[in-house]
Amino acid sequence: MDSRRSDADDGERGWPFLAAAYAFVVTMCGTTLPTPLYSLYQREFGFSSFMVTAIFAVYAAGVIVALLLLGSVSDFIGRRPVMLAALVLSGLSAVCFLLAQGLPTLFAGRVLSGLSAGLATGTATVTVIELAPERRRRAATLLATGANLGGLGLGPLLAGVLAQYAPAPLKLVFVVDLVLVAVGAAVVLALPETVRKRSRPPLRPQRLRVPKEMRSTFAAAAMAGFAGFATLGLFTSVSPTFLSEVEGESNLAVAGAVAFSVFAASIAGQALGERLGPGRSLPGGCAVLVAGMAAIAGSLAIASLELLVLGAVVAGTGQGLSFHAAVRVVTERSPADHRAEVTSALFVLMYLALSIPVIGVGALTVAVGLRSAGLIFTGCVALLAVATLLRLRALSAEAPGR
């Protein structure tokens, strides 16, 4: 049995939930560091654009495996051990990339990175919220989702700038990452534990369970989230290829900045969603996402970098609106002793969205070419967002009669 200090004792001091957010940012940052580097790896090891999507999909598979097998383990053994394990795996992933000699090492690094993200995603989200003072819980939800996507956005920006303007483009960024991970591990060791009782976790795959009272909203949010995360997957895997082969832009710092822009816009969308509330954020996010897809499609059609950046910002804003609404519903309505489990269920669906459409883009690239594959992708995402809008309208019409 393990007792914990109260939120009033630890959370009122302010630092624990901010420190947990830093560790969350570092973990997620490590998962997207390779994004602007794939073109360098392609030249170094001689693999195709389709293989880039396969490497990315292995990462997403690692996330899903970790969420299904270990998504609720922090409810049993505590938040700190799981967050520390996530950072250790992140460090091992960086070592794989630092020593990469070919595809097997890249695949190993991505698997470790995915396992790291899978452990951290649900656990760190809940930890940030639980460590926050009671009066700042809602702001902590925004901080947690912002740390998640902010870390994902900082990865390609950091890697792109260092690869373009610093020596050893395939080495230095991972040395920097290892330093950040070491600091994150020290921070986690200093955090107070929030789990009151320790017990042995069940040794079975996690069921994706959602409380009955929130299933309708959860389903609609998951549809919107699927469309949004599919867009994030595109920008963290093949967008540098779009930039170089369709837009004619080969600067790695630009590639990292474009990927960063979609995540920065997502954080802005989440901040806006905090003001609007879930009832407006879900449909609003879908509508904005459709506009973003139109801009991205236009950029591919006429080879316009400016339009691609606009589409990234607009689509990221729409994704942030719906994503924040989904996480807020899950964390506010889930029972405390199952909160990490339900949060992990949401993220399993999001990471399926992150991987499956991107693999489809890779396959379509081989069949119809890069530009056509991108246009088909944007059309499918827009259709899903429209379908979600229609579902939300139907739920709204049903609500008065419930």
Protein backbone atom coordinates (compact mmCIF):
# COMPACT_ATOMS: atom_id res chain seq x y z
CA MET A 1 0.00 0.00 0.00
CA ASP A 2 1.26 3.42 -0.84
CA SER A 3 -0.18 6.71 0.32
CA ARG A 4 0.16 10.02 -1.46
CA ARG A 5 0.34 13.60 -0.39
CA SER A 6 -2.75 15.62 -1.20
CA ASP A 7 -3.09 17.93 -4.15
CA ALA A 8 -3.29 20.79 -1.67
CA ASP A 9 0.13 19.84 -0.23
CA ASP A 10 1.97 19.30 -3.50
CA GLY A 11 -0.13 20.85 -6.24
CA GLU A 12 -0.49 24.25 -4.53
CA ARG A 13 3.27 24.69 -4.83
CA GLY A 14 2.70 24.87 -8.57
CA TRP A 15 5.80 23.10 -9.83
CA PRO A 16 4.82 19.38 -9.92
CA PHE A 17 2.28 19.58 -12.74
CA LEU A 18 4.53 21.90 -14.74
CA ALA A 19 7.46 19.53 -14.25
CA ALA A 20 5.33 16.58 -15.36
CA ALA A 21 4.36 18.57 -18.45
CA TYR A 22 8.06 19.11 -19.26
CA ALA A 23 8.73 15.36 -19.06
CA PHE A 24 5.70 14.81 -21.32
CA VAL A 25 7.02 17.32 -23.87
CA VAL A 26 10.46 15.69 -23.95
CA THR A 27 9.01 12.21 -24.45
CA MET A 28 6.76 13.26 -27.31
CA CYS A 29 9.46 15.45 -28.88
CA GLY A 30 11.64 12.37 -29.31
CA THR A 31 8.97 10.61 -31.34
CA THR A 32 8.97 13.16 -34.19
CA LEU A 33 12.66 14.04 -34.40
CA PRO A 34 13.17 11.85 -37.52
CA THR A 35 10.46 13.65 -39.54
CA PRO A 36 12.69 16.07 -41.51
CA LEU A 37 15.54 13.54 -41.58
CA TYR A 38 13.84 10.85 -43.65
CA SER A 39 15.15 12.30 -46.92
CA LEU A 40 18.69 12.06 -45.54
CA TYR A 41 18.10 8.47 -44.44
CA GLN A 42 16.70 7.68 -47.91
CA ARG A 43 19.90 8.89 -49.53
CA GLU A 44 22.05 7.23 -46.89
CA PHE A 45 20.40 3.81 -46.98
CA GLY A 46 18.63 3.84 -50.36
CA PHE A 47 14.98 3.13 -49.56
CA SER A 48 11.72 4.39 -51.14
CA SER A 49 9.07 6.88 -50.03
CA PHE A 50 6.77 3.95 -49.30
CA MET A 51 9.35 2.65 -46.82
CA VAL A 52 9.14 6.00 -45.02
CA THR A 53 5.45 5.34 -44.34
CA ALA A 54 6.29 1.79 -43.21
CA ILE A 55 8.84 3.13 -40.72
CA PHE A 56 6.28 5.61 -39.46
CA ALA A 57 3.60 2.90 -39.19
CA VAL A 58 5.90 0.77 -37.04
CA TYR A 59 6.03 3.67 -34.60
CA ALA A 60 2.24 3.91 -34.49
CA ALA A 61 2.00 0.13 -34.01
CA GLY A 62 4.32 0.43 -31.00
CA VAL A 63 2.10 3.13 -29.52
CA ILE A 64 -1.03 1.03 -29.93
CA VAL A 65 0.59 -2.10 -28.46
CA ALA A 66 1.74 -0.13 -25.42
CA LEU A 67 -1.69 1.45 -24.96
CA LEU A 68 -3.51 -1.88 -25.24
CA LEU A 69 -1.16 -3.85 -22.99
CA LEU A 70 -0.01 -1.15 -20.57
CA GLY A 71 -2.41 1.76 -21.00
CA SER A 72 -3.91 1.34 -17.50
CA VAL A 73 -0.83 0.03 -15.71
CA SER A 74 -0.19 3.36 -13.98
CA ASP A 75 -3.58 2.98 -12.24
CA PHE A 76 -2.04 -0.02 -10.45
CA ILE A 77 1.70 0.63 -10.00
CA GLY A 78 1.77 4.43 -9.94
CA ARG A 79 2.35 7.26 -12.40
CA ARG A 80 6.05 7.87 -11.77
CA PRO A 81 7.36 4.38 -12.68
CA VAL A 82 5.46 4.43 -15.97
CA MET A 83 6.61 7.92 -16.91
CA LEU A 84 10.19 6.97 -16.07
CA ALA A 85 9.93 3.83 -18.22
CA ALA A 86 8.65 5.98 -21.10
CA LEU A 87 11.69 8.25 -20.83
CA VAL A 88 14.08 5.28 -20.72
CA LEU A 89 12.53 3.88 -23.90
CA SER A 90 12.76 7.32 -25.50
CA GLY A 91 16.46 7.43 -24.68
CA LEU A 92 17.02 3.95 -26.13
CA SER A 93 15.24 5.06 -29.30
CA ALA A 94 17.59 8.02 -29.60
CA VAL A 95 20.57 5.67 -29.20
CA CYS A 96 19.25 3.52 -32.07
CA PHE A 97 19.07 6.51 -34.38
CA LEU A 98 22.44 7.77 -33.17
CA LEU A 99 24.04 4.43 -34.14
CA ALA A 100 21.84 3.71 -37.19
CA GLN A 101 23.52 1.62 -39.89
CA GLY A 102 20.47 0.68 -41.95
CA LEU A 103 16.74 -0.04 -41.96
CA PRO A 104 16.75 -2.59 -39.08
CA THR A 105 18.15 0.02 -36.68
CA LEU A 106 15.64 2.62 -37.87
CA PHE A 107 12.77 0.19 -37.36
CA ALA A 108 14.04 -0.68 -33.89
CA GLY A 109 14.31 2.99 -32.99
CA ARG A 110 10.77 3.66 -34.15
CA VAL A 111 9.35 0.69 -32.25
CA LEU A 112 11.02 1.88 -29.04
CA SER A 113 9.78 5.40 -29.73
CA GLY A 114 6.24 4.13 -30.21
CA LEU A 115 6.33 2.13 -26.98
CA SER A 116 7.61 5.23 -25.20
CA ALA A 117 4.78 7.38 -26.55
CA GLY A 118 2.20 4.70 -25.74
CA LEU A 119 3.31 4.56 -22.12
CA ALA A 120 3.45 8.33 -21.75
CA THR A 121 0.32 9.42 -23.61
CA GLY A 122 -2.41 8.38 -21.18
CA THR A 123 -0.28 8.33 -18.04
CA ALA A 124 1.35 11.73 -18.49
CA THR A 125 -1.96 13.35 -19.46
CA VAL A 126 -3.55 12.11 -16.23
CA THR A 127 -0.46 12.93 -14.14
CA VAL A 128 -0.37 16.57 -15.24
CA ILE A 129 -4.06 16.94 -14.38
CA GLU A 130 -3.84 15.12 -11.04
CA LEU A 131 -0.83 17.15 -9.87
CA ALA A 132 -2.48 20.48 -10.65
CA PRO A 133 -4.14 22.47 -7.86
CA GLU A 134 -7.92 22.05 -7.87
CA ARG A 135 -8.50 25.60 -9.07
CA ARG A 136 -6.25 24.97 -12.09
CA ARG A 137 -7.53 21.56 -13.19
CA ARG A 138 -9.20 22.83 -16.35
CA ALA A 139 -6.10 24.76 -17.35
CA ALA A 140 -4.07 21.62 -16.61
CA THR A 141 -6.15 19.68 -19.13
CA LEU A 142 -5.19 22.25 -21.76
CA LEU A 143 -1.56 22.07 -20.61
CA ALA A 144 -1.53 18.28 -20.87
CA THR A 145 -2.92 18.17 -24.40
CA GLY A 146 -0.67 21.09 -25.32
CA ALA A 147 2.37 19.26 -23.95
CA ASN A 148 1.46 16.22 -26.02
CA LEU A 149 1.08 18.03 -29.32
CA GLY A 150 3.63 20.71 -28.48
CA GLY A 151 6.25 18.03 -27.98
CA LEU A 152 5.28 16.39 -31.25
CA GLY A 153 5.64 19.74 -33.01
CA LEU A 154 8.97 20.69 -31.44
CA GLY A 155 10.60 17.44 -32.59
CA PRO A 156 10.68 18.18 -36.34
CA LEU A 157 11.47 21.87 -35.76
CA LEU A 158 14.49 21.05 -33.58
CA ALA A 159 15.72 18.30 -35.92
CA GLY A 160 15.20 20.37 -39.07
CA VAL A 161 17.11 23.39 -37.78
CA LEU A 162 20.02 21.33 -36.44
CA ALA A 163 20.20 19.14 -39.55
CA GLN A 164 20.22 22.16 -41.87
CA TYR A 165 22.55 24.49 -40.01
CA ALA A 166 24.65 22.40 -37.56
CA PRO A 167 27.25 19.68 -38.16
CA ALA A 168 26.49 15.94 -38.07
CA PRO A 169 22.84 16.24 -39.22
CA LEU A 170 22.01 12.60 -38.36
CA LYS A 171 23.82 12.60 -35.02
CA LEU A 172 23.73 15.91 -33.13
CA VAL A 173 19.96 16.10 -32.69
CA PHE A 174 19.88 12.73 -30.92
CA VAL A 175 22.70 13.74 -28.59
CA VAL A 176 20.65 16.82 -27.67
CA ASP A 177 17.60 14.60 -27.19
CA LEU A 178 19.49 12.31 -24.79
CA VAL A 179 20.39 15.32 -22.65
CA LEU A 180 16.74 16.45 -22.56
CA VAL A 181 15.64 12.92 -21.66
CA ALA A 182 18.15 12.74 -18.79
CA VAL A 183 16.79 16.00 -17.36
CA GLY A 184 13.24 14.68 -17.78
CA ALA A 185 14.07 11.50 -15.87
CA ALA A 186 15.51 13.53 -12.99
CA VAL A 187 12.35 15.64 -12.95
CA VAL A 188 10.07 12.59 -12.83
CA LEU A 189 12.04 11.11 -9.92
CA ALA A 190 11.31 14.31 -7.97
CA LEU A 191 7.55 14.27 -8.60
CA PRO A 192 5.06 13.27 -5.90
CA GLU A 193 3.12 10.06 -6.58
CA THR A 194 -0.64 10.46 -7.10
CA VAL A 195 -1.79 6.83 -6.93
CA ARG A 196 -3.12 6.04 -3.45
CA LYS A 197 -2.89 2.26 -3.55
CA ARG A 198 -0.51 -0.06 -5.39
CA SER A 199 -1.58 -3.45 -6.73
CA ARG A 200 -0.55 -5.95 -9.36
CA PRO A 201 -1.82 -4.95 -12.82
CA PRO A 202 -3.83 -7.54 -14.79
CA LEU A 203 -1.68 -9.41 -17.31
CA ARG A 204 -4.05 -9.17 -20.25
CA PRO A 205 -4.69 -6.80 -23.16
CA GLN A 206 -6.73 -3.78 -22.18
CA ARG A 207 -10.32 -3.58 -23.29
CA LEU A 208 -11.36 -0.34 -24.94
CA ARG A 209 -14.12 0.59 -22.55
CA VAL A 210 -16.02 3.87 -22.47
CA PRO A 211 -18.68 4.75 -19.86
CA LYS A 212 -22.22 4.45 -21.22
CA GLU A 213 -23.18 8.01 -20.42
CA MET A 214 -20.50 9.44 -22.73
CA ARG A 215 -20.49 6.94 -25.61
CA SER A 216 -22.40 9.09 -28.09
CA THR A 217 -20.17 12.09 -27.54
CA PHE A 218 -17.10 9.85 -27.46
CA ALA A 219 -17.99 8.32 -30.82
CA ALA A 220 -18.46 11.69 -32.48
CA ALA A 221 -15.24 13.01 -30.95
CA ALA A 222 -13.40 9.89 -32.11
CA MET A 223 -14.58 10.45 -35.69
CA ALA A 224 -13.41 14.05 -35.60
CA GLY A 225 -10.20 13.00 -33.91
CA PHE A 226 -9.55 10.32 -36.54
CA ALA A 227 -9.70 12.92 -39.30
CA GLY A 228 -7.48 15.33 -37.38
CA PHE A 229 -4.86 12.76 -36.38
CA ALA A 230 -4.71 11.41 -39.91
CA THR A 231 -3.66 14.92 -40.91
CA LEU A 232 -1.02 14.98 -38.17
CA GLY A 233 0.27 11.64 -39.46
CA LEU A 234 0.65 13.08 -42.94
CA PHE A 235 2.70 16.02 -41.67
CA THR A 236 4.97 13.86 -39.49
CA SER A 237 5.73 11.29 -42.19
CA VAL A 238 5.53 12.28 -45.86
CA SER A 239 5.10 16.06 -45.80
CA PRO A 240 8.87 16.62 -46.30
CA THR A 241 8.56 14.47 -49.44
CA PHE A 242 5.64 16.62 -50.63
CA LEU A 243 7.78 19.69 -50.01
CA SER A 244 10.78 18.44 -51.97
CA GLU A 245 9.08 16.60 -54.84
CA VAL A 246 5.88 18.64 -55.33
CA GLU A 247 6.67 22.08 -53.92
CA GLY A 248 10.38 22.11 -54.86
CA GLU A 249 11.58 23.01 -51.33
CA SER A 250 14.53 20.97 -50.00
CA ASN A 251 15.53 23.04 -46.93
CA LEU A 252 15.29 20.74 -43.90
CA ALA A 253 14.59 23.62 -41.53
CA VAL A 254 11.61 24.60 -43.68
CA ALA A 255 10.38 21.00 -43.63
CA GLY A 256 10.63 20.96 -39.85
CA ALA A 257 8.91 24.34 -39.57
CA VAL A 258 5.98 23.22 -41.75
CA ALA A 259 5.48 20.14 -39.58
CA PHE A 260 5.78 22.33 -36.48
CA SER A 261 3.15 24.75 -37.81
CA VAL A 262 0.40 22.15 -37.83
CA PHE A 263 1.08 21.26 -34.19
CA ALA A 264 1.42 24.89 -33.12
CA ALA A 265 -1.93 25.60 -34.75
CA SER A 266 -3.38 22.59 -32.94
CA ILE A 267 -2.33 24.07 -29.61
CA ALA A 268 -3.96 27.37 -30.61
CA GLY A 269 -7.09 25.43 -31.54
CA GLN A 270 -7.09 23.78 -28.13
CA ALA A 271 -6.83 27.17 -26.41
CA LEU A 272 -9.79 28.36 -28.46
CA GLY A 273 -11.64 25.15 -27.60
CA GLU A 274 -11.16 25.92 -23.92
CA ARG A 275 -13.16 29.11 -24.44
CA LEU A 276 -15.82 27.59 -26.69
CA GLY A 277 -16.47 24.38 -24.76
CA PRO A 278 -16.91 20.87 -26.22
CA GLY A 279 -20.37 21.57 -27.63
CA ARG A 280 -18.96 24.13 -30.05
CA SER A 281 -15.44 22.77 -30.42
CA LEU A 282 -16.37 19.45 -32.02
CA PRO A 283 -18.48 20.78 -34.91
CA GLY A 284 -16.32 23.89 -35.25
CA GLY A 285 -13.19 21.76 -35.46
CA CYS A 286 -14.71 19.62 -38.20
CA ALA A 287 -15.69 22.63 -40.28
CA VAL A 288 -12.24 24.20 -39.93
CA LEU A 289 -10.59 20.89 -40.82
CA VAL A 290 -12.56 20.74 -44.08
CA ALA A 291 -11.26 24.20 -44.97
CA GLY A 292 -7.74 23.08 -44.17
CA MET A 293 -8.03 20.06 -46.44
CA ALA A 294 -9.20 22.32 -49.26
CA ALA A 295 -6.11 24.51 -48.85
CA ILE A 296 -3.75 21.49 -48.75
CA ALA A 297 -5.38 20.05 -51.86
CA GLY A 298 -4.96 23.39 -53.59
CA SER A 299 -1.28 23.54 -52.64
CA LEU A 300 -0.68 20.12 -54.18
CA ALA A 301 -2.60 21.02 -57.32
CA ILE A 302 -0.66 24.21 -58.05
CA ALA A 303 2.61 23.46 -56.17
CA SER A 304 2.26 26.36 -53.73
CA LEU A 305 4.32 26.28 -50.52
CA GLU A 306 2.38 29.23 -49.10
CA LEU A 307 -0.93 27.43 -49.58
CA LEU A 308 0.49 24.28 -47.96
CA VAL A 309 1.51 26.25 -44.87
CA LEU A 310 -1.93 27.89 -44.77
CA GLY A 311 -3.56 24.46 -45.02
CA ALA A 312 -1.34 23.13 -42.23
CA VAL A 313 -2.30 26.00 -39.94
CA VAL A 314 -6.03 25.79 -40.69
CA ALA A 315 -6.16 21.98 -40.44
CA GLY A 316 -4.11 22.03 -37.25
CA THR A 317 -6.50 24.52 -35.70
CA GLY A 318 -9.47 22.29 -36.54
CA GLN A 319 -7.69 19.24 -35.14
CA GLY A 320 -6.89 21.08 -31.92
CA LEU A 321 -10.48 22.17 -31.39
CA SER A 322 -11.90 18.65 -31.61
CA PHE A 323 -8.99 16.95 -29.83
CA HIS A 324 -9.17 19.17 -26.77
CA ALA A 325 -12.93 18.64 -26.56
CA ALA A 326 -12.47 14.86 -26.66
CA VAL A 327 -9.79 14.81 -23.95
CA ARG A 328 -11.80 17.16 -21.76
CA VAL A 329 -14.89 14.95 -21.96
CA VAL A 330 -12.85 11.83 -21.16
CA THR A 331 -10.97 13.26 -18.20
CA GLU A 332 -13.97 15.04 -16.66
CA ARG A 333 -16.47 12.18 -16.96
CA SER A 334 -14.30 9.10 -16.35
CA PRO A 335 -14.19 7.49 -12.86
CA ALA A 336 -10.91 8.42 -11.15
CA ASP A 337 -9.70 4.82 -10.82
CA HIS A 338 -10.27 4.16 -14.55
CA ARG A 339 -9.22 7.53 -15.92
CA ALA A 340 -5.96 6.38 -17.49
CA GLU A 341 -7.73 3.36 -18.99
CA VAL A 342 -10.41 5.44 -20.72
CA THR A 343 -7.91 8.08 -21.83
CA SER A 344 -5.79 5.32 -23.34
CA ALA A 345 -8.82 4.00 -25.23
CA LEU A 346 -9.24 7.39 -26.87
CA PHE A 347 -5.58 7.51 -27.85
CA VAL A 348 -5.67 4.01 -29.35
CA LEU A 349 -8.23 5.30 -31.83
CA MET A 350 -6.19 8.43 -32.46
CA TYR A 351 -3.01 6.48 -33.19
CA LEU A 352 -4.86 4.14 -35.51
CA ALA A 353 -5.77 7.31 -37.37
CA LEU A 354 -2.14 8.39 -37.27
CA SER A 355 -0.90 5.24 -39.01
CA ILE A 356 -3.51 3.61 -41.26
CA PRO A 357 -4.22 6.58 -43.59
CA VAL A 358 -0.48 7.30 -43.93
CA ILE A 359 0.18 3.72 -45.04
CA GLY A 360 -2.60 4.23 -47.59
CA VAL A 361 -0.87 7.36 -48.86
CA GLY A 362 2.35 5.40 -49.25
CA ALA A 363 0.62 2.67 -51.22
CA LEU A 364 -1.22 5.19 -53.38
CA THR A 365 2.06 6.98 -54.10
CA VAL A 366 3.37 3.81 -55.72
CA ALA A 367 0.14 3.32 -57.70
CA VAL A 368 -0.85 6.83 -58.81
CA GLY A 369 2.00 9.16 -57.83
CA LEU A 370 2.68 11.47 -54.91
CA ARG A 371 0.48 14.40 -55.97
CA SER A 372 -2.58 12.24 -56.70
CA ALA A 373 -2.11 10.31 -53.45
CA GLY A 374 -2.13 13.58 -51.52
CA LEU A 375 -5.29 14.79 -53.27
CA ILE A 376 -7.10 11.51 -52.52
CA PHE A 377 -6.03 11.75 -48.88
CA THR A 378 -7.33 15.29 -48.45
CA GLY A 379 -10.65 14.34 -50.05
CA CYS A 380 -11.13 11.36 -47.70
CA VAL A 381 -10.33 13.41 -44.59
CA ALA A 382 -12.75 16.14 -45.68
CA LEU A 383 -15.51 13.58 -46.24
CA LEU A 384 -14.96 12.09 -42.77
CA ALA A 385 -15.12 15.55 -41.20
CA VAL A 386 -18.38 16.28 -43.02
CA ALA A 387 -19.81 12.93 -41.87
CA THR A 388 -18.90 13.86 -38.30
CA LEU A 389 -20.67 17.19 -38.65
CA LEU A 390 -23.82 15.38 -39.78
CA ARG A 391 -23.58 12.97 -36.84
CA LEU A 392 -23.17 15.82 -34.38
CA ARG A 393 -26.20 17.56 -35.87
CA ALA A 394 -28.23 14.36 -35.46
CA LEU A 395 -27.12 14.02 -31.82
CA SER A 396 -28.05 17.63 -31.18
CA ALA A 397 -31.52 17.04 -32.63
CA GLU A 398 -32.00 13.98 -30.43
CA ALA A 399 -30.83 15.65 -27.22
CA PRO A 400 -34.09 17.44 -26.24
CA GLY A 401 -36.02 14.18 -26.37
CA ARG A 402 -33.65 12.23 -24.16
